[in-house]
Amino acid sequence: MWGERAHHRHGHHHDHVPSGGSKDRQPKFIADNYSSVDEVIAALREAGLESSNLILGIDFTKSNEWSGRHSFGRKSLHAISGTPNPYEQAISIIGRTLSPFDDDNLIPCFGFGDGKYSLHCF
């Protein structure tokens, strides 16, 4: 689940291993039956996550227009209004959930694509 980026608070890095475990340990499945962000944070800690280096990527390609036509009231997924758009909602939830595990309190964010092209670069 968090594999490559997970590490101990002491700065030791384990490749592809949840923090606190050995290379033979399998990541735990975390069920989606929580009613608050605090419950999710507690489950992540119980599963062994001690810290993470969160990086966000935002898709600015033209695909946000046609996706929004089908899923966001015929508006772009980036539309700004009184209601948070899908990107604002996702960033808020991810930030509230994972920021307690981010030691430096810096969350880099990168955008890719533009409104003219629908090509993706991954």
PDB file of N, CA and C in Angstrom:
ATOM      1  N   MET A   1       0.811  -1.184   0.000  1.00  0.00           N
ATOM      2  CA  MET A   1       0.000   0.000   0.000  1.00  0.00           C
ATOM      3  C   MET A   1       0.860   1.255   0.000  1.00  0.00           C
ATOM      4  N   TRP A   2       1.829   1.369   0.857  1.00  0.00           N
ATOM      5  CA  TRP A   2       2.679   2.556   0.870  1.00  0.00           C
ATOM      6  C   TRP A   2       4.111   2.222   0.528  1.00  0.00           C
ATOM      7  N   GLY A   3       4.435   0.963   0.402  1.00  0.00           N
ATOM      8  CA  GLY A   3       5.691   0.374  -0.038  1.00  0.00           C
ATOM      9  C   GLY A   3       6.927   1.233  -0.072  1.00  0.00           C
ATOM     10  N   GLU A   4       7.292   1.739  -1.256  1.00  0.00           N
ATOM     11  CA  GLU A   4       8.583   2.384  -1.469  1.00  0.00           C
ATOM     12  C   GLU A   4       8.830   3.581  -0.561  1.00  0.00           C
ATOM     13  N   ARG A   5       7.839   4.348  -0.271  1.00  0.00           N
ATOM     14  CA  ARG A   5       8.018   5.608   0.425  1.00  0.00           C
ATOM     15  C   ARG A   5       8.021   5.466   1.946  1.00  0.00           C
ATOM     16  N   ALA A   6       7.543   4.344   2.487  1.00  0.00           N
ATOM     17  CA  ALA A   6       7.445   4.200   3.944  1.00  0.00           C
ATOM     18  C   ALA A   6       8.834   4.069   4.558  1.00  0.00           C
ATOM     19  N   HIS A   7       9.029   4.660   5.728  1.00  0.00           N
ATOM     20  CA  HIS A   7      10.295   4.536   6.426  1.00  0.00           C
ATOM     21  C   HIS A   7      10.082   4.804   7.908  1.00  0.00           C
ATOM     22  N   HIS A   8      11.043   4.396   8.713  1.00  0.00           N
ATOM     23  CA  HIS A   8      10.977   4.620  10.157  1.00  0.00           C
ATOM     24  C   HIS A   8      11.221   6.084  10.470  1.00  0.00           C
ATOM     25  N   ARG A   9      10.745   6.520  11.608  1.00  0.00           N
ATOM     26  CA  ARG A   9      10.968   7.896  12.047  1.00  0.00           C
ATOM     27  C   ARG A   9      12.459   8.196  12.179  1.00  0.00           C
ATOM     28  N   HIS A  10      13.266   7.175  12.384  1.00  0.00           N
ATOM     29  CA  HIS A  10      14.703   7.374  12.558  1.00  0.00           C
ATOM     30  C   HIS A  10      15.419   7.573  11.231  1.00  0.00           C
ATOM     31  N   GLY A  11      14.673   7.522  10.116  1.00  0.00           N
ATOM     32  CA  GLY A  11      15.273   7.794   8.822  1.00  0.00           C
ATOM     33  C   GLY A  11      15.784   6.570   8.095  1.00  0.00           C
ATOM     34  N   HIS A  12      15.643   5.377   8.658  1.00  0.00           N
ATOM     35  CA  HIS A  12      16.079   4.181   7.953  1.00  0.00           C
ATOM     36  C   HIS A  12      15.065   3.845   6.888  1.00  0.00           C
ATOM     37  N   HIS A  13      15.526   3.471   5.721  1.00  0.00           N
ATOM     38  CA  HIS A  13      14.654   3.208   4.585  1.00  0.00           C
ATOM     39  C   HIS A  13      14.627   1.707   4.294  1.00  0.00           C
ATOM     40  N   HIS A  14      13.441   1.172   4.079  1.00  0.00           N
ATOM     41  CA  HIS A  14      13.271  -0.229   3.693  1.00  0.00           C
ATOM     42  C   HIS A  14      12.578  -0.256   2.344  1.00  0.00           C
ATOM     43  N   ASP A  15      13.210  -0.819   1.327  1.00  0.00           N
ATOM     44  CA  ASP A  15      12.626  -0.861  -0.003  1.00  0.00           C
ATOM     45  C   ASP A  15      11.396  -1.750  -0.040  1.00  0.00           C
ATOM     46  N   HIS A  16      10.306  -1.197  -0.528  1.00  0.00           N
ATOM     47  CA  HIS A  16       9.062  -1.926  -0.775  1.00  0.00           C
ATOM     48  C   HIS A  16       8.536  -2.656   0.448  1.00  0.00           C
ATOM     49  N   VAL A  17       8.715  -2.106   1.619  1.00  0.00           N
ATOM     50  CA  VAL A  17       8.268  -2.752   2.850  1.00  0.00           C
ATOM     51  C   VAL A  17       7.547  -1.725   3.709  1.00  0.00           C
ATOM     52  N   PRO A  18       6.336  -2.064   4.207  1.00  0.00           N
ATOM     53  CA  PRO A  18       5.697  -1.141   5.141  1.00  0.00           C
ATOM     54  C   PRO A  18       6.612  -0.929   6.338  1.00  0.00           C
ATOM     55  N   SER A  19       6.645   0.286   6.878  1.00  0.00           N
ATOM     56  CA  SER A  19       7.559   0.563   7.980  1.00  0.00           C
ATOM     57  C   SER A  19       7.264  -0.341   9.152  1.00  0.00           C
ATOM     58  N   GLY A  20       8.304  -0.686   9.871  1.00  0.00           N
ATOM     59  CA  GLY A  20       8.160  -1.538  11.039  1.00  0.00           C
ATOM     60  C   GLY A  20       8.154  -3.013  10.706  1.00  0.00           C
ATOM     61  N   GLY A  21       8.320  -3.382   9.434  1.00  0.00           N
ATOM     62  CA  GLY A  21       8.224  -4.794   9.077  1.00  0.00           C
ATOM     63  C   GLY A  21       9.470  -5.306   8.407  1.00  0.00           C
ATOM     64  N   SER A  22       9.456  -6.585   8.127  1.00  0.00           N
ATOM     65  CA  SER A  22      10.560  -7.198   7.399  1.00  0.00           C
ATOM     66  C   SER A  22      10.147  -7.333   5.945  1.00  0.00           C
ATOM     67  N   LYS A  23      11.082  -7.725   5.092  1.00  0.00           N
ATOM     68  CA  LYS A  23      10.769  -7.862   3.673  1.00  0.00           C
ATOM     69  C   LYS A  23       9.759  -8.971   3.408  1.00  0.00           C
ATOM     70  N   ASP A  24       9.566  -9.901   4.365  1.00  0.00           N
ATOM     71  CA  ASP A  24       8.604 -10.979   4.191  1.00  0.00           C
ATOM     72  C   ASP A  24       7.192 -10.566   4.594  1.00  0.00           C
ATOM     73  N   ARG A  25       7.060  -9.464   5.273  1.00  0.00           N
ATOM     74  CA  ARG A  25       5.758  -9.025   5.760  1.00  0.00           C
ATOM     75  C   ARG A  25       4.922  -8.462   4.616  1.00  0.00           C
ATOM     76  N   GLN A  26       3.679  -8.881   4.535  1.00  0.00           N
ATOM     77  CA  GLN A  26       2.769  -8.399   3.507  1.00  0.00           C
ATOM     78  C   GLN A  26       1.995  -7.192   4.029  1.00  0.00           C
ATOM     79  N   PRO A  27       1.732  -6.201   3.175  1.00  0.00           N
ATOM     80  CA  PRO A  27       0.914  -5.072   3.616  1.00  0.00           C
ATOM     81  C   PRO A  27      -0.472  -5.561   4.034  1.00  0.00           C
ATOM     82  N   LYS A  28      -1.035  -4.915   5.036  1.00  0.00           N
ATOM     83  CA  LYS A  28      -2.365  -5.281   5.507  1.00  0.00           C
ATOM     84  C   LYS A  28      -3.418  -4.584   4.662  1.00  0.00           C
ATOM     85  N   PHE A  29      -4.507  -5.295   4.426  1.00  0.00           N
ATOM     86  CA  PHE A  29      -5.660  -4.703   3.769  1.00  0.00           C
ATOM     87  C   PHE A  29      -6.392  -3.858   4.800  1.00  0.00           C
ATOM     88  N   ILE A  30      -6.724  -2.652   4.448  1.00  0.00           N
ATOM     89  CA  ILE A  30      -7.468  -1.785   5.355  1.00  0.00           C
ATOM     90  C   ILE A  30      -8.862  -1.608   4.765  1.00  0.00           C
ATOM     91  N   ALA A  31      -9.859  -2.186   5.438  1.00  0.00           N
ATOM     92  CA  ALA A  31     -11.237  -2.147   4.955  1.00  0.00           C
ATOM     93  C   ALA A  31     -11.759  -0.713   4.908  1.00  0.00           C
ATOM     94  N   ASP A  32     -12.714  -0.493   4.044  1.00  0.00           N
ATOM     95  CA  ASP A  32     -13.304   0.835   3.871  1.00  0.00           C
ATOM     96  C   ASP A  32     -14.604   0.935   4.673  1.00  0.00           C
ATOM     97  N   ASN A  33     -14.484   0.884   5.989  1.00  0.00           N
ATOM     98  CA  ASN A  33     -15.683   0.951   6.830  1.00  0.00           C
ATOM     99  C   ASN A  33     -15.480   1.924   7.991  1.00  0.00           C
ATOM    100  N   TYR A  34     -14.994   3.108   7.680  1.00  0.00           N
ATOM    101  CA  TYR A  34     -14.697   4.104   8.700  1.00  0.00           C
ATOM    102  C   TYR A  34     -15.674   5.264   8.589  1.00  0.00           C
ATOM    103  N   SER A  35     -15.943   5.888   9.722  1.00  0.00           N
ATOM    104  CA  SER A  35     -16.882   7.009   9.709  1.00  0.00           C
ATOM    105  C   SER A  35     -16.191   8.352   9.944  1.00  0.00           C
ATOM    106  N   SER A  36     -14.881   8.343  10.154  1.00  0.00           N
ATOM    107  CA  SER A  36     -14.164   9.604  10.349  1.00  0.00           C
ATOM    108  C   SER A  36     -12.717   9.470   9.887  1.00  0.00           C
ATOM    109  N   VAL A  37     -12.102  10.607   9.619  1.00  0.00           N
ATOM    110  CA  VAL A  37     -10.691  10.636   9.235  1.00  0.00           C
ATOM    111  C   VAL A  37      -9.835  10.116  10.386  1.00  0.00           C
ATOM    112  N   ASP A  38     -10.213  10.438  11.618  1.00  0.00           N
ATOM    113  CA  ASP A  38      -9.451   9.960  12.780  1.00  0.00           C
ATOM    114  C   ASP A  38      -9.415   8.437  12.842  1.00  0.00           C
ATOM    115  N   GLU A  39     -10.519   7.774  12.470  1.00  0.00           N
ATOM    116  CA  GLU A  39     -10.543   6.307  12.449  1.00  0.00           C
ATOM    117  C   GLU A  39      -9.599   5.764  11.380  1.00  0.00           C
ATOM    118  N   VAL A  40      -9.536   6.420  10.228  1.00  0.00           N
ATOM    119  CA  VAL A  40      -8.626   5.990   9.159  1.00  0.00           C
ATOM    120  C   VAL A  40      -7.178   6.170   9.607  1.00  0.00           C
ATOM    121  N   ILE A  41      -6.866   7.300  10.230  1.00  0.00           N
ATOM    122  CA  ILE A  41      -5.511   7.556  10.724  1.00  0.00           C
ATOM    123  C   ILE A  41      -5.112   6.494  11.742  1.00  0.00           C
ATOM    124  N   ALA A  42      -6.023   6.150  12.655  1.00  0.00           N
ATOM    125  CA  ALA A  42      -5.735   5.118  13.658  1.00  0.00           C
ATOM    126  C   ALA A  42      -5.485   3.772  12.989  1.00  0.00           C
ATOM    127  N   ALA A  43      -6.263   3.431  11.957  1.00  0.00           N
ATOM    128  CA  ALA A  43      -6.075   2.161  11.248  1.00  0.00           C
ATOM    129  C   ALA A  43      -4.735   2.131  10.525  1.00  0.00           C
ATOM    130  N   LEU A  44      -4.330   3.248   9.932  1.00  0.00           N
ATOM    131  CA  LEU A  44      -3.030   3.308   9.265  1.00  0.00           C
ATOM    132  C   LEU A  44      -1.896   3.112  10.262  1.00  0.00           C
ATOM    133  N   ARG A  45      -2.012   3.731  11.428  1.00  0.00           N
ATOM    134  CA  ARG A  45      -0.985   3.549  12.464  1.00  0.00           C
ATOM    135  C   ARG A  45      -0.949   2.091  12.921  1.00  0.00           C
ATOM    136  N   GLU A  46      -2.131   1.492  13.121  1.00  0.00           N
ATOM    137  CA  GLU A  46      -2.211   0.094  13.552  1.00  0.00           C
ATOM    138  C   GLU A  46      -1.626  -0.843  12.498  1.00  0.00           C
ATOM    139  N   ALA A  47      -1.764  -0.475  11.218  1.00  0.00           N
ATOM    140  CA  ALA A  47      -1.222  -1.292  10.130  1.00  0.00           C
ATOM    141  C   ALA A  47       0.288  -1.130   9.987  1.00  0.00           C
ATOM    142  N   GLY A  48       0.879  -0.187  10.733  1.00  0.00           N
ATOM    143  CA  GLY A  48       2.330  -0.056  10.715  1.00  0.00           C
ATOM    144  C   GLY A  48       2.869   1.191  10.046  1.00  0.00           C
ATOM    145  N   LEU A  49       2.002   2.061   9.531  1.00  0.00           N
ATOM    146  CA  LEU A  49       2.503   3.281   8.905  1.00  0.00           C
ATOM    147  C   LEU A  49       2.959   4.249   9.986  1.00  0.00           C
ATOM    148  N   GLU A  50       4.221   4.632   9.929  1.00  0.00           N
ATOM    149  CA  GLU A  50       4.780   5.586  10.886  1.00  0.00           C
ATOM    150  C   GLU A  50       4.979   6.952  10.259  1.00  0.00           C
ATOM    151  N   SER A  51       5.393   6.971   9.002  1.00  0.00           N
ATOM    152  CA  SER A  51       5.580   8.238   8.309  1.00  0.00           C
ATOM    153  C   SER A  51       5.512   7.996   6.810  1.00  0.00           C
ATOM    154  N   SER A  52       5.312   9.068   6.069  1.00  0.00           N
ATOM    155  CA  SER A  52       5.252   8.955   4.614  1.00  0.00           C
ATOM    156  C   SER A  52       5.751  10.250   3.994  1.00  0.00           C
ATOM    157  N   ASN A  53       6.095  10.180   2.751  1.00  0.00           N
ATOM    158  CA  ASN A  53       6.490  11.351   1.973  1.00  0.00           C
ATOM    159  C   ASN A  53       5.447  11.528   0.879  1.00  0.00           C
ATOM    160  N   LEU A  54       4.384  12.216   1.202  1.00  0.00           N
ATOM    161  CA  LEU A  54       3.269  12.398   0.291  1.00  0.00           C
ATOM    162  C   LEU A  54       3.638  13.372  -0.822  1.00  0.00           C
ATOM    163  N   ILE A  55       3.296  13.006  -2.059  1.00  0.00           N
ATOM    164  CA  ILE A  55       3.453  13.868  -3.225  1.00  0.00           C
ATOM    165  C   ILE A  55       2.148  13.776  -4.005  1.00  0.00           C
ATOM    166  N   LEU A  56       1.568  14.918  -4.373  1.00  0.00           N
ATOM    167  CA  LEU A  56       0.327  14.934  -5.134  1.00  0.00           C
ATOM    168  C   LEU A  56       0.601  15.257  -6.591  1.00  0.00           C
ATOM    169  N   GLY A  57      -0.196  14.672  -7.468  1.00  0.00           N
ATOM    170  CA  GLY A  57      -0.156  14.981  -8.890  1.00  0.00           C
ATOM    171  C   GLY A  57      -1.557  15.337  -9.349  1.00  0.00           C
ATOM    172  N   ILE A  58      -1.683  16.409 -10.118  1.00  0.00           N
ATOM    173  CA  ILE A  58      -2.988  16.850 -10.594  1.00  0.00           C
ATOM    174  C   ILE A  58      -2.998  16.838 -12.117  1.00  0.00           C
ATOM    175  N   ASP A  59      -4.028  16.216 -12.670  1.00  0.00           N
ATOM    176  CA  ASP A  59      -4.225  16.085 -14.107  1.00  0.00           C
ATOM    177  C   ASP A  59      -4.899  17.353 -14.641  1.00  0.00           C
ATOM    178  N   PHE A  60      -4.186  18.104 -15.488  1.00  0.00           N
ATOM    179  CA  PHE A  60      -4.759  19.302 -16.095  1.00  0.00           C
ATOM    180  C   PHE A  60      -5.085  19.089 -17.573  1.00  0.00           C
ATOM    181  N   THR A  61      -5.159  17.841 -18.016  1.00  0.00           N
ATOM    182  CA  THR A  61      -5.445  17.579 -19.423  1.00  0.00           C
ATOM    183  C   THR A  61      -6.908  17.863 -19.736  1.00  0.00           C
ATOM    184  N   LYS A  62      -7.198  17.944 -21.009  1.00  0.00           N
ATOM    185  CA  LYS A  62      -8.549  18.225 -21.494  1.00  0.00           C
ATOM    186  C   LYS A  62      -9.544  17.137 -21.074  1.00  0.00           C
ATOM    187  N   SER A  63      -9.059  15.976 -20.677  1.00  0.00           N
ATOM    188  CA  SER A  63      -9.958  14.882 -20.274  1.00  0.00           C
ATOM    189  C   SER A  63     -10.836  15.272 -19.087  1.00  0.00           C
ATOM    190  N   ASN A  64     -10.434  16.277 -18.318  1.00  0.00           N
ATOM    191  CA  ASN A  64     -11.250  16.734 -17.191  1.00  0.00           C
ATOM    192  C   ASN A  64     -12.575  17.334 -17.650  1.00  0.00           C
ATOM    193  N   GLU A  65     -12.605  17.855 -18.872  1.00  0.00           N
ATOM    194  CA  GLU A  65     -13.855  18.403 -19.399  1.00  0.00           C
ATOM    195  C   GLU A  65     -14.835  17.296 -19.737  1.00  0.00           C
ATOM    196  N   TRP A  66     -14.402  16.311 -20.541  1.00  0.00           N
ATOM    197  CA  TRP A  66     -15.352  15.262 -20.918  1.00  0.00           C
ATOM    198  C   TRP A  66     -15.680  14.339 -19.757  1.00  0.00           C
ATOM    199  N   SER A  67     -14.746  14.130 -18.830  1.00  0.00           N
ATOM    200  CA  SER A  67     -15.061  13.323 -17.643  1.00  0.00           C
ATOM    201  C   SER A  67     -16.106  14.031 -16.787  1.00  0.00           C
ATOM    202  N   GLY A  68     -15.962  15.337 -16.645  1.00  0.00           N
ATOM    203  CA  GLY A  68     -16.911  16.110 -15.856  1.00  0.00           C
ATOM    204  C   GLY A  68     -18.295  16.159 -16.467  1.00  0.00           C
ATOM    205  N   ARG A  69     -18.369  16.114 -17.796  1.00  0.00           N
ATOM    206  CA  ARG A  69     -19.683  16.092 -18.455  1.00  0.00           C
ATOM    207  C   ARG A  69     -20.500  14.888 -18.007  1.00  0.00           C
ATOM    208  N   HIS A  70     -19.816  13.795 -17.720  1.00  0.00           N
ATOM    209  CA  HIS A  70     -20.504  12.557 -17.341  1.00  0.00           C
ATOM    210  C   HIS A  70     -20.610  12.370 -15.834  1.00  0.00           C
ATOM    211  N   SER A  71     -19.760  13.044 -15.068  1.00  0.00           N
ATOM    212  CA  SER A  71     -19.726  12.737 -13.633  1.00  0.00           C
ATOM    213  C   SER A  71     -19.852  13.940 -12.697  1.00  0.00           C
ATOM    214  N   PHE A  72     -19.810  15.167 -13.228  1.00  0.00           N
ATOM    215  CA  PHE A  72     -19.790  16.339 -12.355  1.00  0.00           C
ATOM    216  C   PHE A  72     -20.735  17.422 -12.884  1.00  0.00           C
ATOM    217  N   GLY A  73     -21.937  17.016 -13.209  1.00  0.00           N
ATOM    218  CA  GLY A  73     -22.954  17.982 -13.640  1.00  0.00           C
ATOM    219  C   GLY A  73     -22.611  18.739 -14.896  1.00  0.00           C
ATOM    220  N   ARG A  74     -21.957  18.078 -15.834  1.00  0.00           N
ATOM    221  CA  ARG A  74     -21.585  18.654 -17.122  1.00  0.00           C
ATOM    222  C   ARG A  74     -20.547  19.779 -17.005  1.00  0.00           C
ATOM    223  N   LYS A  75     -19.852  19.850 -15.857  1.00  0.00           N
ATOM    224  CA  LYS A  75     -18.817  20.872 -15.642  1.00  0.00           C
ATOM    225  C   LYS A  75     -17.442  20.211 -15.656  1.00  0.00           C
ATOM    226  N   SER A  76     -16.417  21.004 -15.906  1.00  0.00           N
ATOM    227  CA  SER A  76     -15.040  20.516 -15.795  1.00  0.00           C
ATOM    228  C   SER A  76     -14.789  20.039 -14.368  1.00  0.00           C
ATOM    229  N   LEU A  77     -13.979  19.016 -14.216  1.00  0.00           N
ATOM    230  CA  LEU A  77     -13.637  18.523 -12.880  1.00  0.00           C
ATOM    231  C   LEU A  77     -12.859  19.558 -12.077  1.00  0.00           C
ATOM    232  N   HIS A  78     -12.360  20.615 -12.742  1.00  0.00           N
ATOM    233  CA  HIS A  78     -11.627  21.694 -12.075  1.00  0.00           C
ATOM    234  C   HIS A  78     -12.496  22.932 -11.836  1.00  0.00           C
ATOM    235  N   ALA A  79     -13.789  22.869 -12.161  1.00  0.00           N
ATOM    236  CA  ALA A  79     -14.668  24.037 -12.031  1.00  0.00           C
ATOM    237  C   ALA A  79     -14.671  24.556 -10.595  1.00  0.00           C
ATOM    238  N   ILE A  80     -14.557  25.870 -10.458  1.00  0.00           N
ATOM    239  CA  ILE A  80     -14.564  26.512  -9.144  1.00  0.00           C
ATOM    240  C   ILE A  80     -15.951  27.115  -8.924  1.00  0.00           C
ATOM    241  N   SER A  81     -16.580  26.721  -7.828  1.00  0.00           N
ATOM    242  CA  SER A  81     -17.902  27.248  -7.481  1.00  0.00           C
ATOM    243  C   SER A  81     -18.066  27.154  -5.970  1.00  0.00           C
ATOM    244  N   GLY A  82     -19.276  27.304  -5.488  1.00  0.00           N
ATOM    245  CA  GLY A  82     -19.530  27.204  -4.056  1.00  0.00           C
ATOM    246  C   GLY A  82     -19.392  25.793  -3.516  1.00  0.00           C
ATOM    247  N   THR A  83     -19.410  24.805  -4.410  1.00  0.00           N
ATOM    248  CA  THR A  83     -19.269  23.399  -4.030  1.00  0.00           C
ATOM    249  C   THR A  83     -17.876  22.921  -4.424  1.00  0.00           C
ATOM    250  N   PRO A  84     -17.159  22.255  -3.525  1.00  0.00           N
ATOM    251  CA  PRO A  84     -15.821  21.751  -3.895  1.00  0.00           C
ATOM    252  C   PRO A  84     -15.889  20.795  -5.091  1.00  0.00           C
ATOM    253  N   ASN A  85     -14.964  20.962  -6.024  1.00  0.00           N
ATOM    254  CA  ASN A  85     -14.908  20.056  -7.172  1.00  0.00           C
ATOM    255  C   ASN A  85     -14.236  18.748  -6.743  1.00  0.00           C
ATOM    256  N   PRO A  86     -14.262  17.719  -7.606  1.00  0.00           N
ATOM    257  CA  PRO A  86     -13.663  16.431  -7.223  1.00  0.00           C
ATOM    258  C   PRO A  86     -12.191  16.523  -6.816  1.00  0.00           C
ATOM    259  N   TYR A  87     -11.419  17.386  -7.462  1.00  0.00           N
ATOM    260  CA  TYR A  87     -10.012  17.531  -7.087  1.00  0.00           C
ATOM    261  C   TYR A  87      -9.883  18.149  -5.696  1.00  0.00           C
ATOM    262  N   GLU A  88     -10.660  19.191  -5.417  1.00  0.00           N
ATOM    263  CA  GLU A  88     -10.619  19.820  -4.097  1.00  0.00           C
ATOM    264  C   GLU A  88     -11.029  18.829  -3.010  1.00  0.00           C
ATOM    265  N   GLN A  89     -12.055  18.030  -3.292  1.00  0.00           N
ATOM    266  CA  GLN A  89     -12.509  17.031  -2.325  1.00  0.00           C
ATOM    267  C   GLN A  89     -11.423  15.994  -2.046  1.00  0.00           C
ATOM    268  N   ALA A  90     -10.833  15.457  -3.118  1.00  0.00           N
ATOM    269  CA  ALA A  90      -9.812  14.410  -2.961  1.00  0.00           C
ATOM    270  C   ALA A  90      -8.573  14.943  -2.241  1.00  0.00           C
ATOM    271  N   ILE A  91      -8.107  16.133  -2.616  1.00  0.00           N
ATOM    272  CA  ILE A  91      -6.914  16.708  -1.983  1.00  0.00           C
ATOM    273  C   ILE A  91      -7.173  16.966  -0.505  1.00  0.00           C
ATOM    274  N   SER A  92      -8.360  17.443  -0.180  1.00  0.00           N
ATOM    275  CA  SER A  92      -8.707  17.695   1.219  1.00  0.00           C
ATOM    276  C   SER A  92      -8.702  16.407   2.037  1.00  0.00           C
ATOM    277  N   ILE A  93      -9.320  15.369   1.513  1.00  0.00           N
ATOM    278  CA  ILE A  93      -9.384  14.086   2.231  1.00  0.00           C
ATOM    279  C   ILE A  93      -7.997  13.468   2.373  1.00  0.00           C
ATOM    280  N   ILE A  94      -7.236  13.454   1.286  1.00  0.00           N
ATOM    281  CA  ILE A  94      -5.883  12.887   1.331  1.00  0.00           C
ATOM    282  C   ILE A  94      -5.011  13.678   2.302  1.00  0.00           C
ATOM    283  N   GLY A  95      -5.095  14.995   2.238  1.00  0.00           N
ATOM    284  CA  GLY A  95      -4.297  15.840   3.128  1.00  0.00           C
ATOM    285  C   GLY A  95      -4.636  15.625   4.589  1.00  0.00           C
ATOM    286  N   ARG A  96      -5.926  15.609   4.917  1.00  0.00           N
ATOM    287  CA  ARG A  96      -6.332  15.411   6.316  1.00  0.00           C
ATOM    288  C   ARG A  96      -5.932  14.031   6.822  1.00  0.00           C
ATOM    289  N   THR A  97      -5.950  13.038   5.934  1.00  0.00           N
ATOM    290  CA  THR A  97      -5.654  11.667   6.342  1.00  0.00           C
ATOM    291  C   THR A  97      -4.161  11.414   6.475  1.00  0.00           C
ATOM    292  N   LEU A  98      -3.369  11.872   5.520  1.00  0.00           N
ATOM    293  CA  LEU A  98      -1.946  11.524   5.504  1.00  0.00           C
ATOM    294  C   LEU A  98      -1.010  12.599   6.048  1.00  0.00           C
ATOM    295  N   SER A  99      -1.453  13.834   6.182  1.00  0.00           N
ATOM    296  CA  SER A  99      -0.544  14.868   6.687  1.00  0.00           C
ATOM    297  C   SER A  99      -0.028  14.586   8.097  1.00  0.00           C
ATOM    298  N   PRO A 100      -0.776  13.898   8.980  1.00  0.00           N
ATOM    299  CA  PRO A 100      -0.199  13.578  10.292  1.00  0.00           C
ATOM    300  C   PRO A 100       1.039  12.670  10.212  1.00  0.00           C
ATOM    301  N   PHE A 101       1.227  11.989   9.079  1.00  0.00           N
ATOM    302  CA  PHE A 101       2.364  11.088   8.908  1.00  0.00           C
ATOM    303  C   PHE A 101       3.529  11.765   8.187  1.00  0.00           C
ATOM    304  N   ASP A 102       3.349  12.994   7.733  1.00  0.00           N
ATOM    305  CA  ASP A 102       4.369  13.701   6.968  1.00  0.00           C
ATOM    306  C   ASP A 102       5.240  14.514   7.923  1.00  0.00           C
ATOM    307  N   ASP A 103       6.471  14.068   8.125  1.00  0.00           N
ATOM    308  CA  ASP A 103       7.357  14.663   9.126  1.00  0.00           C
ATOM    309  C   ASP A 103       7.722  16.120   8.871  1.00  0.00           C
ATOM    310  N   ASP A 104       7.909  16.515   7.611  1.00  0.00           N
ATOM    311  CA  ASP A 104       8.361  17.882   7.348  1.00  0.00           C
ATOM    312  C   ASP A 104       7.209  18.851   7.058  1.00  0.00           C
ATOM    313  N   ASN A 105       5.980  18.353   7.037  1.00  0.00           N
ATOM    314  CA  ASN A 105       4.786  19.172   6.772  1.00  0.00           C
ATOM    315  C   ASN A 105       4.843  19.896   5.431  1.00  0.00           C
ATOM    316  N   LEU A 106       5.605  19.349   4.497  1.00  0.00           N
ATOM    317  CA  LEU A 106       5.661  19.876   3.141  1.00  0.00           C
ATOM    318  C   LEU A 106       5.118  18.804   2.210  1.00  0.00           C
ATOM    319  N   ILE A 107       4.107  19.138   1.427  1.00  0.00           N
ATOM    320  CA  ILE A 107       3.517  18.170   0.503  1.00  0.00           C
ATOM    321  C   ILE A 107       3.665  18.733  -0.908  1.00  0.00           C
ATOM    322  N   PRO A 108       4.677  18.269  -1.651  1.00  0.00           N
ATOM    323  CA  PRO A 108       4.863  18.757  -3.016  1.00  0.00           C
ATOM    324  C   PRO A 108       3.663  18.386  -3.886  1.00  0.00           C
ATOM    325  N   CYS A 109       3.336  19.268  -4.813  1.00  0.00           N
ATOM    326  CA  CYS A 109       2.227  19.029  -5.728  1.00  0.00           C
ATOM    327  C   CYS A 109       2.689  19.373  -7.134  1.00  0.00           C
ATOM    328  N   PHE A 110       2.452  18.457  -8.062  1.00  0.00           N
ATOM    329  CA  PHE A 110       2.848  18.646  -9.449  1.00  0.00           C
ATOM    330  C   PHE A 110       1.624  18.535 -10.335  1.00  0.00           C
ATOM    331  N   GLY A 111       1.565  19.354 -11.364  1.00  0.00           N
ATOM    332  CA  GLY A 111       0.499  19.271 -12.346  1.00  0.00           C
ATOM    333  C   GLY A 111       1.062  18.770 -13.657  1.00  0.00           C
ATOM    334  N   PHE A 112       0.217  18.110 -14.425  1.00  0.00           N
ATOM    335  CA  PHE A 112       0.653  17.661 -15.744  1.00  0.00           C
ATOM    336  C   PHE A 112      -0.472  17.869 -16.739  1.00  0.00           C
ATOM    337  N   GLY A 113      -0.084  18.089 -18.000  1.00  0.00           N
ATOM    338  CA  GLY A 113      -1.059  18.301 -19.060  1.00  0.00           C
ATOM    339  C   GLY A 113      -1.534  19.740 -19.109  1.00  0.00           C
ATOM    340  N   ASP A 114      -2.428  20.004 -20.071  1.00  0.00           N
ATOM    341  CA  ASP A 114      -3.027  21.329 -20.171  1.00  0.00           C
ATOM    342  C   ASP A 114      -4.425  21.195 -20.758  1.00  0.00           C
ATOM    343  N   GLY A 115      -5.125  22.294 -20.883  1.00  0.00           N
ATOM    344  CA  GLY A 115      -6.497  22.277 -21.367  1.00  0.00           C
ATOM    345  C   GLY A 115      -6.630  22.086 -22.861  1.00  0.00           C
ATOM    346  N   LYS A 116      -5.533  22.129 -23.592  1.00  0.00           N
ATOM    347  CA  LYS A 116      -5.587  22.000 -25.047  1.00  0.00           C
ATOM    348  C   LYS A 116      -5.499  20.546 -25.503  1.00  0.00           C
ATOM    349  N   TYR A 117      -4.728  19.729 -24.773  1.00  0.00           N
ATOM    350  CA  TYR A 117      -4.477  18.357 -25.199  1.00  0.00           C
ATOM    351  C   TYR A 117      -5.051  17.360 -24.198  1.00  0.00           C
ATOM    352  N   SER A 118      -5.397  16.194 -24.688  1.00  0.00           N
ATOM    353  CA  SER A 118      -5.904  15.147 -23.794  1.00  0.00           C
ATOM    354  C   SER A 118      -4.867  14.054 -23.570  1.00  0.00           C
ATOM    355  N   LEU A 119      -3.632  14.301 -24.012  1.00  0.00           N
ATOM    356  CA  LEU A 119      -2.570  13.316 -23.826  1.00  0.00           C
ATOM    357  C   LEU A 119      -2.149  13.274 -22.364  1.00  0.00           C
ATOM    358  N   HIS A 120      -1.793  12.096 -21.893  1.00  0.00           N
ATOM    359  CA  HIS A 120      -1.347  11.928 -20.514  1.00  0.00           C
ATOM    360  C   HIS A 120       0.128  11.562 -20.497  1.00  0.00           C
ATOM    361  N   CYS A 121       0.832  12.003 -19.509  1.00  0.00           N
ATOM    362  CA  CYS A 121       2.244  11.675 -19.343  1.00  0.00           C
ATOM    363  C   CYS A 121       2.419  11.023 -17.986  1.00  0.00           C
ATOM    364  N   PHE A 122       2.650   9.731 -17.959  1.00  0.00           N
ATOM    365  CA  PHE A 122       2.810   9.007 -16.695  1.00  0.00           C
ATOM    366  C   PHE A 122       4.189   8.429 -16.598  1.00  0.00           C
TER     367      PHE A 122
END
